[in-house]
Every structure is written in structure tokens, then in C-alpha cells.
C-alpha atoms as a PDB file:
ATOM      1  CA  MET A   1       8.562   7.963 -18.473  1.00  0.00           C
ATOM      2  CA  ILE A   2       4.999   6.659 -18.407  1.00  0.00           C
ATOM      3  CA  CYS A   3       4.267   4.316 -21.266  1.00  0.00           C
ATOM      4  CA  SER A   4       0.956   4.805 -23.059  1.00  0.00           C
ATOM      5  CA  SER A   5       0.778   1.626 -25.115  1.00  0.00           C
ATOM      6  CA  ALA A   6      -1.079  -1.577 -24.312  1.00  0.00           C
ATOM      7  CA  PRO A   7       0.090  -3.799 -21.428  1.00  0.00           C
ATOM      8  CA  GLU A   8       1.420  -6.379 -23.922  1.00  0.00           C
ATOM      9  CA  THR A   9       3.905  -3.786 -25.164  1.00  0.00           C
ATOM     10  CA  LYS A  10       4.710  -2.222 -21.812  1.00  0.00           C
ATOM     11  CA  PHE A  11       5.592  -5.563 -20.256  1.00  0.00           C
ATOM     12  CA  ALA A  12       7.037  -7.271 -23.330  1.00  0.00           C
ATOM     13  CA  THR A  13      10.368  -7.955 -21.592  1.00  0.00           C
ATOM     14  CA  ALA A  14       8.546  -9.430 -18.586  1.00  0.00           C
ATOM     15  CA  ARG A  15       6.043 -11.500 -20.553  1.00  0.00           C
ATOM     16  CA  ARG A  16       8.282 -14.568 -20.644  1.00  0.00           C
ATOM     17  CA  GLN A  17       8.735 -14.366 -16.859  1.00  0.00           C
ATOM     18  CA  ILE A  18       4.996 -14.042 -16.299  1.00  0.00           C
ATOM     19  CA  VAL A  19       3.984 -16.820 -18.676  1.00  0.00           C
ATOM     20  CA  SER A  20       6.659 -19.298 -17.605  1.00  0.00           C
ATOM     21  CA  ALA A  21       6.420 -18.768 -13.835  1.00  0.00           C
ATOM     22  CA  ARG A  22       5.000 -21.676 -11.908  1.00  0.00           C
ATOM     23  CA  SER A  23       2.771 -19.253  -9.975  1.00  0.00           C
ATOM     24  CA  LEU A  24       2.413 -15.541  -9.230  1.00  0.00           C
ATOM     25  CA  ALA A  25       2.326 -13.547  -5.995  1.00  0.00           C
ATOM     26  CA  LEU A  26       0.519 -10.307  -6.802  1.00  0.00           C
ATOM     27  CA  PHE A  27       0.963  -7.467  -4.286  1.00  0.00           C
ATOM     28  CA  LEU A  28      -1.136  -4.318  -4.768  1.00  0.00           C
ATOM     29  CA  ASP A  29      -1.545  -1.015  -2.951  1.00  0.00           C
ATOM     30  CA  PHE A  30      -5.118   0.292  -2.642  1.00  0.00           C
ATOM     31  CA  ASP A  31      -5.394   4.097  -2.794  1.00  0.00           C
ATOM     32  CA  GLY A  32      -3.928   5.462  -6.018  1.00  0.00           C
ATOM     33  CA  THR A  33      -3.334   1.952  -7.384  1.00  0.00           C
ATOM     34  CA  LEU A  34      -6.581  -0.026  -7.320  1.00  0.00           C
ATOM     35  CA  ALA A  35      -8.799   2.960  -6.536  1.00  0.00           C
ATOM     36  CA  PRO A  36      -8.370   6.656  -7.415  1.00  0.00           C
ATOM     37  CA  ILE A  37      -7.243   8.933  -4.594  1.00  0.00           C
ATOM     38  CA  CYS A  38     -10.129  11.060  -3.273  1.00  0.00           C
ATOM     39  CA  PRO A  39     -10.055  14.385  -1.392  1.00  0.00           C
ATOM     40  CA  PHE A  40     -11.707  12.554   1.504  1.00  0.00           C
ATOM     41  CA  ALA A  41     -10.173   9.136   2.211  1.00  0.00           C
ATOM     42  CA  ASP A  42     -13.542   7.667   3.172  1.00  0.00           C
ATOM     43  CA  ASP A  43     -14.846   8.269  -0.373  1.00  0.00           C
ATOM     44  CA  ALA A  44     -12.396   5.858  -2.025  1.00  0.00           C
ATOM     45  CA  ARG A  45     -14.184   2.933  -3.677  1.00  0.00           C
ATOM     46  CA  LEU A  46     -13.244  -0.142  -5.687  1.00  0.00           C
ATOM     47  CA  GLU A  47     -14.983   0.044  -9.067  1.00  0.00           C
ATOM     48  CA  PRO A  48     -17.155  -2.992  -9.947  1.00  0.00           C
ATOM     49  CA  ASP A  49     -15.047  -3.958 -12.989  1.00  0.00           C
ATOM     50  CA  VAL A  50     -11.859  -3.846 -10.911  1.00  0.00           C
ATOM     51  CA  ARG A  51     -13.508  -6.007  -8.245  1.00  0.00           C
ATOM     52  CA  GLU A  52     -14.567  -8.501 -10.912  1.00  0.00           C
ATOM     53  CA  THR A  53     -11.009  -8.744 -12.233  1.00  0.00           C
ATOM     54  CA  LEU A  54      -9.587  -9.229  -8.733  1.00  0.00           C
ATOM     55  CA  GLU A  55     -12.136 -11.961  -8.056  1.00  0.00           C
ATOM     56  CA  ALA A  56     -11.090 -13.741 -11.257  1.00  0.00           C
ATOM     57  CA  LEU A  57      -7.433 -13.593 -10.202  1.00  0.00           C
ATOM     58  CA  VAL A  58      -8.200 -14.812  -6.677  1.00  0.00           C
ATOM     59  CA  GLU A  59     -10.056 -17.827  -8.077  1.00  0.00           C
ATOM     60  CA  ARG A  60      -6.959 -18.939  -9.978  1.00  0.00           C
ATOM     61  CA  PRO A  61      -4.938 -21.632  -8.153  1.00  0.00           C
ATOM     62  CA  ASP A  62      -1.705 -20.207  -9.570  1.00  0.00           C
ATOM     63  CA  VAL A  63      -2.114 -16.636  -8.239  1.00  0.00           C
ATOM     64  CA  LEU A  64      -1.776 -15.285  -4.701  1.00  0.00           C
ATOM     65  CA  VAL A  65      -3.333 -11.826  -4.311  1.00  0.00           C
ATOM     66  CA  ALA A  66      -2.320  -9.544  -1.436  1.00  0.00           C
ATOM     67  CA  ILE A  67      -3.287  -5.913  -0.830  1.00  0.00           C
ATOM     68  CA  VAL A  68      -0.750  -3.892   1.160  1.00  0.00           C
ATOM     69  CA  SER A  69      -2.032  -0.500   2.297  1.00  0.00           C
ATOM     70  CA  GLY A  70      -1.590   2.272   4.817  1.00  0.00           C
ATOM     71  CA  ARG A  71      -5.261   1.894   5.734  1.00  0.00           C
ATOM     72  CA  GLU A  72      -6.325   0.065   8.861  1.00  0.00           C
ATOM     73  CA  LEU A  73      -6.883  -3.645   8.338  1.00  0.00           C
ATOM     74  CA  TRP A  74     -10.627  -3.563   9.062  1.00  0.00           C
ATOM     75  CA  ASP A  75     -11.115  -0.604   6.723  1.00  0.00           C
ATOM     76  CA  LEU A  76      -9.161  -2.258   3.910  1.00  0.00           C
ATOM     77  CA  ARG A  77     -11.077  -5.521   4.247  1.00  0.00           C
ATOM     78  CA  ARG A  78     -14.485  -3.827   4.148  1.00  0.00           C
ATOM     79  CA  ARG A  79     -13.597  -1.735   1.086  1.00  0.00           C
ATOM     80  CA  VAL A  80     -12.355  -4.713  -0.908  1.00  0.00           C
ATOM     81  CA  GLY A  81     -14.420  -7.495   0.635  1.00  0.00           C
ATOM     82  CA  ILE A  82     -13.062 -10.370  -1.443  1.00  0.00           C
ATOM     83  CA  HIS A  83     -12.472 -13.695   0.281  1.00  0.00           C
ATOM     84  CA  GLY A  84      -9.150 -15.332  -0.486  1.00  0.00           C
ATOM     85  CA  ILE A  85      -7.077 -12.142  -0.526  1.00  0.00           C
ATOM     86  CA  VAL A  86      -4.304 -11.544   2.013  1.00  0.00           C
ATOM     87  CA  TYR A  87      -4.872  -8.109   3.541  1.00  0.00           C
ATOM     88  CA  ALA A  88      -1.973  -6.145   5.029  1.00  0.00           C
ATOM     89  CA  GLY A  89      -3.009  -2.929   6.766  1.00  0.00           C
ATOM     90  CA  GLU A  90      -1.067   0.003   8.219  1.00  0.00           C
ATOM     91  CA  ASN A  91       1.887  -0.488   5.868  1.00  0.00           C
ATOM     92  CA  GLY A  92       1.911  -4.217   6.559  1.00  0.00           C
ATOM     93  CA  MET A  93       2.061  -4.074  10.358  1.00  0.00           C
ATOM     94  CA  GLU A  94      -1.150  -6.122  10.609  1.00  0.00           C
ATOM     95  CA  ILE A  95      -1.844  -9.005   8.204  1.00  0.00           C
ATOM     96  CA  ARG A  96      -4.740 -11.418   7.829  1.00  0.00           C
ATOM     97  CA  GLY A  97      -6.094 -13.768   5.178  1.00  0.00           C
ATOM     98  CA  ARG A  98      -5.796 -17.255   3.683  1.00  0.00           C
ATOM     99  CA  GLY A  99      -5.411 -18.777   7.136  1.00  0.00           C
ATOM    100  CA  THR A 100      -2.643 -16.407   8.223  1.00  0.00           C
ATOM    101  CA  GLN A 101      -2.611 -13.757  10.934  1.00  0.00           C
ATOM    102  CA  PHE A 102       0.154 -11.411  12.094  1.00  0.00           C
ATOM    103  CA  ILE A 103       0.604  -8.200  14.043  1.00  0.00           C
ATOM    104  CA  GLU A 104       4.013  -6.588  14.437  1.00  0.00           C
ATOM    105  CA  PRO A 105       4.822  -7.000  18.153  1.00  0.00           C
ATOM    106  CA  ALA A 106       6.933  -3.848  18.613  1.00  0.00           C
ATOM    107  CA  ALA A 107       4.213  -1.731  16.992  1.00  0.00           C
ATOM    108  CA  LEU A 108       1.580  -3.322  19.213  1.00  0.00           C
ATOM    109  CA  ALA A 109       3.679  -2.536  22.286  1.00  0.00           C
ATOM    110  CA  ARG A 110       3.676   1.176  21.342  1.00  0.00           C
ATOM    111  CA  ARG A 111      -0.058   1.597  20.950  1.00  0.00           C
ATOM    112  CA  GLY A 112      -0.148   3.687  24.132  1.00  0.00           C
ATOM    113  CA  VAL A 113       2.472   6.082  22.778  1.00  0.00           C
ATOM    114  CA  ILE A 114       0.599   6.389  19.469  1.00  0.00           C
ATOM    115  CA  LYS A 115      -2.618   7.183  21.321  1.00  0.00           C
ATOM    116  CA  LEU A 116      -0.967   9.974  23.346  1.00  0.00           C
ATOM    117  CA  ILE A 117       0.655  11.484  20.237  1.00  0.00           C
ATOM    118  CA  ALA A 118      -2.650  11.373  18.342  1.00  0.00           C
ATOM    119  CA  ARG A 119      -4.371  13.242  21.167  1.00  0.00           C
ATOM    120  CA  GLU A 120      -1.642  15.915  21.197  1.00  0.00           C
ATOM    121  CA  LEU A 121      -1.681  16.292  17.401  1.00  0.00           C
ATOM    122  CA  ILE A 122      -5.456  16.739  17.344  1.00  0.00           C
ATOM    123  CA  SER A 123      -5.121  19.502  19.938  1.00  0.00           C
ATOM    124  CA  SER A 124      -2.096  21.192  18.321  1.00  0.00           C
ATOM    125  CA  LEU A 125      -3.414  21.138  14.729  1.00  0.00           C
ATOM    126  CA  ARG A 126      -7.069  21.927  15.362  1.00  0.00           C
ATOM    127  CA  GLU A 127      -6.676  25.622  14.430  1.00  0.00           C
ATOM    128  CA  ILE A 128      -5.360  24.844  10.916  1.00  0.00           C
ATOM    129  CA  PRO A 129      -8.260  24.396   8.463  1.00  0.00           C
ATOM    130  CA  GLY A 130      -8.303  21.353   6.210  1.00  0.00           C
ATOM    131  CA  VAL A 131      -6.143  19.161   8.474  1.00  0.00           C
ATOM    132  CA  PHE A 132      -7.487  15.791   9.613  1.00  0.00           C
ATOM    133  CA  VAL A 133      -5.672  13.642  12.181  1.00  0.00           C
ATOM    134  CA  GLU A 134      -6.595   9.975  11.713  1.00  0.00           C
ATOM    135  CA  GLU A 135      -5.756   7.791  14.694  1.00  0.00           C
ATOM    136  CA  LYS A 136      -5.462   4.177  13.570  1.00  0.00           C
ATOM    137  CA  HIS A 137      -4.816   0.968  15.471  1.00  0.00           C
ATOM    138  CA  LEU A 138      -1.007   1.135  15.268  1.00  0.00           C
ATOM    139  CA  THR A 139      -0.212   4.379  13.408  1.00  0.00           C
ATOM    140  CA  ILE A 140      -1.410   7.954  12.810  1.00  0.00           C
ATOM    141  CA  ALA A 141      -2.081   9.724   9.514  1.00  0.00           C
ATOM    142  CA  VAL A 142      -2.156  13.516   9.299  1.00  0.00           C
ATOM    143  CA  HIS A 143      -4.040  14.416   6.115  1.00  0.00           C
ATOM    144  CA  PHE A 144      -3.456  17.918   4.751  1.00  0.00           C
ATOM    145  CA  ARG A 145      -4.792  17.689   1.183  1.00  0.00           C
ATOM    146  CA  LEU A 146      -7.469  20.308   1.956  1.00  0.00           C
ATOM    147  CA  ALA A 147      -5.235  22.592   4.033  1.00  0.00           C
ATOM    148  CA  PRO A 148      -3.964  25.939   2.661  1.00  0.00           C
ATOM    149  CA  PRO A 149      -0.629  25.314   0.847  1.00  0.00           C
ATOM    150  CA  GLY A 150       1.056  27.996   2.925  1.00  0.00           C
ATOM    151  CA  ASP A 151       0.375  26.024   6.114  1.00  0.00           C
ATOM    152  CA  LYS A 152       2.296  22.916   5.050  1.00  0.00           C
ATOM    153  CA  GLN A 153       5.510  23.861   6.843  1.00  0.00           C
ATOM    154  CA  LYS A 154       3.590  24.852   9.974  1.00  0.00           C
ATOM    155  CA  ILE A 155       1.899  21.453  10.009  1.00  0.00           C
ATOM    156  CA  ARG A 156       5.217  19.667   9.583  1.00  0.00           C
ATOM    157  CA  ASP A 157       6.930  21.738  12.301  1.00  0.00           C
ATOM    158  CA  THR A 158       4.064  21.063  14.718  1.00  0.00           C
ATOM    159  CA  MET A 159       4.251  17.347  14.017  1.00  0.00           C
ATOM    160  CA  ARG A 160       8.002  17.286  14.595  1.00  0.00           C
ATOM    161  CA  SER A 161       7.595  19.096  17.908  1.00  0.00           C
ATOM    162  CA  VAL A 162       4.976  16.609  19.113  1.00  0.00           C
ATOM    163  CA  VAL A 163       6.831  13.533  17.876  1.00  0.00           C
ATOM    164  CA  GLU A 164      10.059  14.630  19.589  1.00  0.00           C
ATOM    165  CA  MET A 165       8.298  14.125  22.925  1.00  0.00           C
ATOM    166  CA  ALA A 166       8.130  10.388  22.195  1.00  0.00           C
ATOM    167  CA  ASP A 167      11.930  10.067  22.512  1.00  0.00           C
ATOM    168  CA  ARG A 168      12.524   8.301  19.163  1.00  0.00           C
ATOM    169  CA  GLN A 169       9.858   5.656  19.735  1.00  0.00           C
ATOM    170  CA  VAL A 170       8.088   6.841  16.576  1.00  0.00           C
ATOM    171  CA  GLU A 171       8.989   8.492  13.275  1.00  0.00           C
ATOM    172  CA  ILE A 172       7.356  10.602  10.566  1.00  0.00           C
ATOM    173  CA  ARG A 173       7.074   9.203   7.048  1.00  0.00           C
ATOM    174  CA  PRO A 174       5.833  11.232   4.031  1.00  0.00           C
ATOM    175  CA  GLY A 175       3.032  10.131   1.722  1.00  0.00           C
ATOM    176  CA  LYS A 176       0.764  11.712  -0.881  1.00  0.00           C
ATOM    177  CA  MET A 177      -0.676  14.769   0.892  1.00  0.00           C
ATOM    178  CA  VAL A 178      -0.314  12.922   4.180  1.00  0.00           C
ATOM    179  CA  TRP A 179       2.317  12.464   6.865  1.00  0.00           C
ATOM    180  CA  GLU A 180       2.285   9.250   8.830  1.00  0.00           C
ATOM    181  CA  VAL A 181       3.474   8.733  12.373  1.00  0.00           C
ATOM    182  CA  LEU A 182       4.759   5.166  12.630  1.00  0.00           C
ATOM    183  CA  PRO A 183       6.297   3.155  15.453  1.00  0.00           C
ATOM    184  CA  ARG A 184      10.053   3.054  14.924  1.00  0.00           C
ATOM    185  CA  THR A 185      10.307  -0.712  14.429  1.00  0.00           C
ATOM    186  CA  GLY A 186      12.009  -1.214  11.047  1.00  0.00           C
ATOM    187  CA  TRP A 187       8.903  -3.074   9.847  1.00  0.00           C
ATOM    188  CA  ARG A 188       7.669  -1.618   6.561  1.00  0.00           C
ATOM    189  CA  LYS A 189       5.999  -2.840   3.370  1.00  0.00           C
ATOM    190  CA  GLY A 190       9.099  -4.747   2.279  1.00  0.00           C
ATOM    191  CA  ALA A 191       9.102  -6.744   5.510  1.00  0.00           C
ATOM    192  CA  ALA A 192       5.372  -7.386   5.149  1.00  0.00           C
ATOM    193  CA  VAL A 193       5.820  -8.631   1.581  1.00  0.00           C
ATOM    194  CA  ASP A 194       8.612 -10.937   2.778  1.00  0.00           C
ATOM    195  CA  TRP A 195       6.376 -12.328   5.544  1.00  0.00           C
ATOM    196  CA  ILE A 196       3.438 -12.920   3.173  1.00  0.00           C
ATOM    197  CA  TYR A 197       5.686 -14.436   0.513  1.00  0.00           C
ATOM    198  CA  ARG A 198       7.262 -16.903   2.944  1.00  0.00           C
ATOM    199  CA  SER A 199       3.950 -17.743   4.636  1.00  0.00           C
ATOM    200  CA  CYS A 200       1.660 -18.075   1.616  1.00  0.00           C
ATOM    201  CA  ALA A 201       3.550 -18.354  -1.652  1.00  0.00           C
ATOM    202  CA  ALA A 202       4.688 -21.612  -3.215  1.00  0.00           C
ATOM    203  CA  LYS A 203       8.230 -22.303  -4.378  1.00  0.00           C
ATOM    204  CA  ASP A 204       9.284 -20.644  -7.656  1.00  0.00           C
ATOM    205  CA  THR A 205       6.538 -18.033  -7.351  1.00  0.00           C
ATOM    206  CA  LEU A 206       7.124 -14.819  -9.326  1.00  0.00           C
ATOM    207  CA  PRO A 207       6.399 -11.710  -7.215  1.00  0.00           C
ATOM    208  CA  ILE A 208       4.684  -8.703  -8.816  1.00  0.00           C
ATOM    209  CA  TYR A 209       4.163  -5.487  -6.857  1.00  0.00           C
ATOM    210  CA  ALA A 210       2.284  -2.328  -7.905  1.00  0.00           C
ATOM    211  CA  GLY A 211       2.052   0.794  -5.745  1.00  0.00           C
ATOM    212  CA  ASP A 212       1.868   4.556  -6.069  1.00  0.00           C
ATOM    213  CA  ASP A 213       3.387   5.911  -2.862  1.00  0.00           C
ATOM    214  CA  GLU A 214       6.785   6.505  -1.305  1.00  0.00           C
ATOM    215  CA  SER A 215       6.090   3.698   1.165  1.00  0.00           C
ATOM    216  CA  ASP A 216       5.948   1.243  -1.764  1.00  0.00           C
ATOM    217  CA  GLU A 217       9.576   1.966  -2.695  1.00  0.00           C
ATOM    218  CA  ASP A 218      10.607  -0.204   0.259  1.00  0.00           C
ATOM    219  CA  ALA A 219       8.813  -3.163  -1.326  1.00  0.00           C
ATOM    220  CA  PHE A 220      10.278  -2.377  -4.768  1.00  0.00           C
ATOM    221  CA  ARG A 221      13.782  -2.616  -3.326  1.00  0.00           C
ATOM    222  CA  TYR A 222      12.999  -5.887  -1.567  1.00  0.00           C
ATOM    223  CA  LEU A 223      11.512  -7.415  -4.743  1.00  0.00           C
ATOM    224  CA  SER A 224      14.337  -6.331  -7.034  1.00  0.00           C
ATOM    225  CA  GLY A 225      14.277  -9.767  -8.689  1.00  0.00           C
ATOM    226  CA  GLY A 226      10.536  -9.594  -9.412  1.00  0.00           C
ATOM    227  CA  ILE A 227       8.303  -7.290 -11.432  1.00  0.00           C
ATOM    228  CA  THR A 228       7.854  -3.923  -9.740  1.00  0.00           C
ATOM    229  CA  ILE A 229       5.503  -1.183 -10.942  1.00  0.00           C
ATOM    230  CA  ARG A 230       5.264   2.426  -9.774  1.00  0.00           C
ATOM    231  CA  VAL A 231       1.874   3.998 -10.426  1.00  0.00           C
ATOM    232  CA  GLY A 232       2.231   7.691 -11.262  1.00  0.00           C
ATOM    233  CA  GLU A 233       4.960  10.005 -12.481  1.00  0.00           C
ATOM    234  CA  GLU A 234       7.299  10.128  -9.486  1.00  0.00           C
ATOM    235  CA  GLN A 235      10.911   8.967  -9.624  1.00  0.00           C
ATOM    236  CA  THR A 236      11.148   5.337  -8.640  1.00  0.00           C
ATOM    237  CA  THR A 237      13.305   2.255  -8.228  1.00  0.00           C
ATOM    238  CA  ALA A 238      10.545   0.147  -9.833  1.00  0.00           C
ATOM    239  CA  LYS A 239      11.224  -1.457 -13.211  1.00  0.00           C
ATOM    240  CA  TYR A 240       7.957  -0.380 -14.824  1.00  0.00           C
ATOM    241  CA  THR A 241       5.452   2.471 -14.553  1.00  0.00           C
ATOM    242  CA  LEU A 242       1.721   2.852 -15.099  1.00  0.00           C
ATOM    243  CA  ALA A 243      -0.176   6.132 -15.257  1.00  0.00           C
ATOM    244  CA  GLY A 244      -2.967   5.415 -12.766  1.00  0.00           C
ATOM    245  CA  PRO A 245      -5.617   2.971 -11.513  1.00  0.00           C
ATOM    246  CA  SER A 246      -7.196   2.577 -14.966  1.00  0.00           C
ATOM    247  CA  GLU A 247      -3.883   1.352 -16.406  1.00  0.00           C
ATOM    248  CA  VAL A 248      -3.400  -0.891 -13.378  1.00  0.00           C
ATOM    249  CA  HIS A 249      -6.748  -2.480 -14.179  1.00  0.00           C
ATOM    250  CA  GLN A 250      -5.696  -2.982 -17.806  1.00  0.00           C
ATOM    251  CA  PHE A 251      -2.553  -4.690 -16.559  1.00  0.00           C
ATOM    252  CA  LEU A 252      -4.537  -6.993 -14.247  1.00  0.00           C
ATOM    253  CA  LEU A 253      -6.852  -7.950 -17.107  1.00  0.00           C
ATOM    254  CA  TRP A 254      -3.867  -8.692 -19.332  1.00  0.00           C
ATOM    255  CA  LEU A 255      -2.180 -10.630 -16.535  1.00  0.00           C
ATOM    256  CA  ASN A 256      -5.215 -12.873 -16.124  1.00  0.00           C
ATOM    257  CA  LEU A 257      -5.475 -13.516 -19.868  1.00  0.00           C
ATOM    258  CA  SER A 258      -1.752 -13.942 -20.537  1.00  0.00           C
ATOM    259  CA  ARG A 259      -1.465 -17.140 -18.473  1.00  0.00           C
ATOM    260  CA  PRO A 260      -3.455 -20.267 -19.369  1.00  0.00           C
ATOM    261  CA  LEU A 261      -5.382 -21.757 -16.489  1.00  0.00           C
ATOM    262  CA  PRO A 262      -3.421 -24.622 -14.893  1.00  0.00           C
END
């Protein structure tokens, strides 16, 4: 159930953890978490007050801020544009920030396969209105938010047929009104969070993760000892829930104010 009270009440049982932790590692999704989901992905924007709050958190020496998104790394960085954040694009397969840099080697090795599948999907799905095939650096996203509801199964069946040609080198993962074609590597958001945590976070750092999509459940399971937050009304393994980006912003404001500056 989504709580509707203030963040102090929602996170009362976690307040002691947050206040007493030596430092925090804050992991955030972008679309649907920091910014509202838009019919067209290119329209998503970070509101000025949210940017200001993120900048305040980044300036704190006791907080690591990372944004983990399905968007391409370059796209994520230009939309947020805050120095000092660790950016993890394409579900964490490419990471950069705070002196770190990583690209998942198995995913990189399958770029050629992804390119061929993207070309075939564009050709096979072009007759269905409202479908957009987004070829990224390492993955593919098939957006169907604007497609007729009755065509959903046809889109999925077409994708399965195309992906089968890749002989299990890739897989389909569901998202919010999108299906992603990902290299079958085992590297997901949980693995990315682990890499960032080990590379950037200090000892005794409390991890906090907020995300709104099915892909974030992988990170929730990995961070079972931390504070995990599902944004939205879906069933989840996260410990807490928030209704949407506006409540996420309230939480970030409260988080910044709840800890005295070191």
C-alpha cells in the first residue's frame, strides 16, 4: 500500500539507520522516479527543484549519488548534467563518474548482434502504428505506449520471432510500456549497484535505492540489507513505497535535512 503521510512518518523505522550511518550511497532510477514518464521518452525532463535537491546531496561529503537507468549513458548524462554523480546507463551495463569507468565486456562483444536485431525489428514492426524501436549502444528498447492495445501480443510475438534468430545470445525483458532486448550476460542493475558500491562507496555506507520498474527489482533483492523503495503501485520486494516522482523528491529533501552535515 502506498503511504500518503510525510517522509518522516513513512520512513520512521529507517530513520535511525539513516541518521546513524557513517555515509549513504543513494541509487536512483530516472524515468518514473526522478522525472515523470512521458508518452515520448525524449520529452522527459528533470524539474529545476529536483535538480537543486540532487545538487545539494552531491555536494555532501557523506553521500554518494548514482543514477541507474535503462537510458543510454550519454542521454542520461545530458538530461541530468550534474557533476559528481555516478551515471549507469542501459541497466548498468555502462558506468561513468567520480573517476570510474566501466562497460560490461560480454555486452560490448554482442554489439553486432544487437545491431542486426534492431534492423530486423525496425523492418518487422514498421507496419504497426505507435511502435518505436530505439537502438542503443548495447541494448534495444521497443516502445509501444502509443500502439493500439490490441496489437500488444502481435508486437511481442514478432519480437520473439526475431530474437530467436540470435540463438540465445539476447533476451527480452519487460518494462513499463516497453520491451527491452538485452545481451544475455547476467549483468543487470543489481550487478551494477554492486560494482558502484565496491568502487565508490566507503566502508559502513548505507545503501538506499529507489526505482519504479521491473528492472529495479533486481537491485532491491541485492540490497536486501539496505533501504529499498518501489515507486508506484506494483507488487514489489522493496521495503518501502512512494507514489511517484513528487514523493521521491519529498523523500530526497527529507533525507538531506535529516542528517547533519559532517
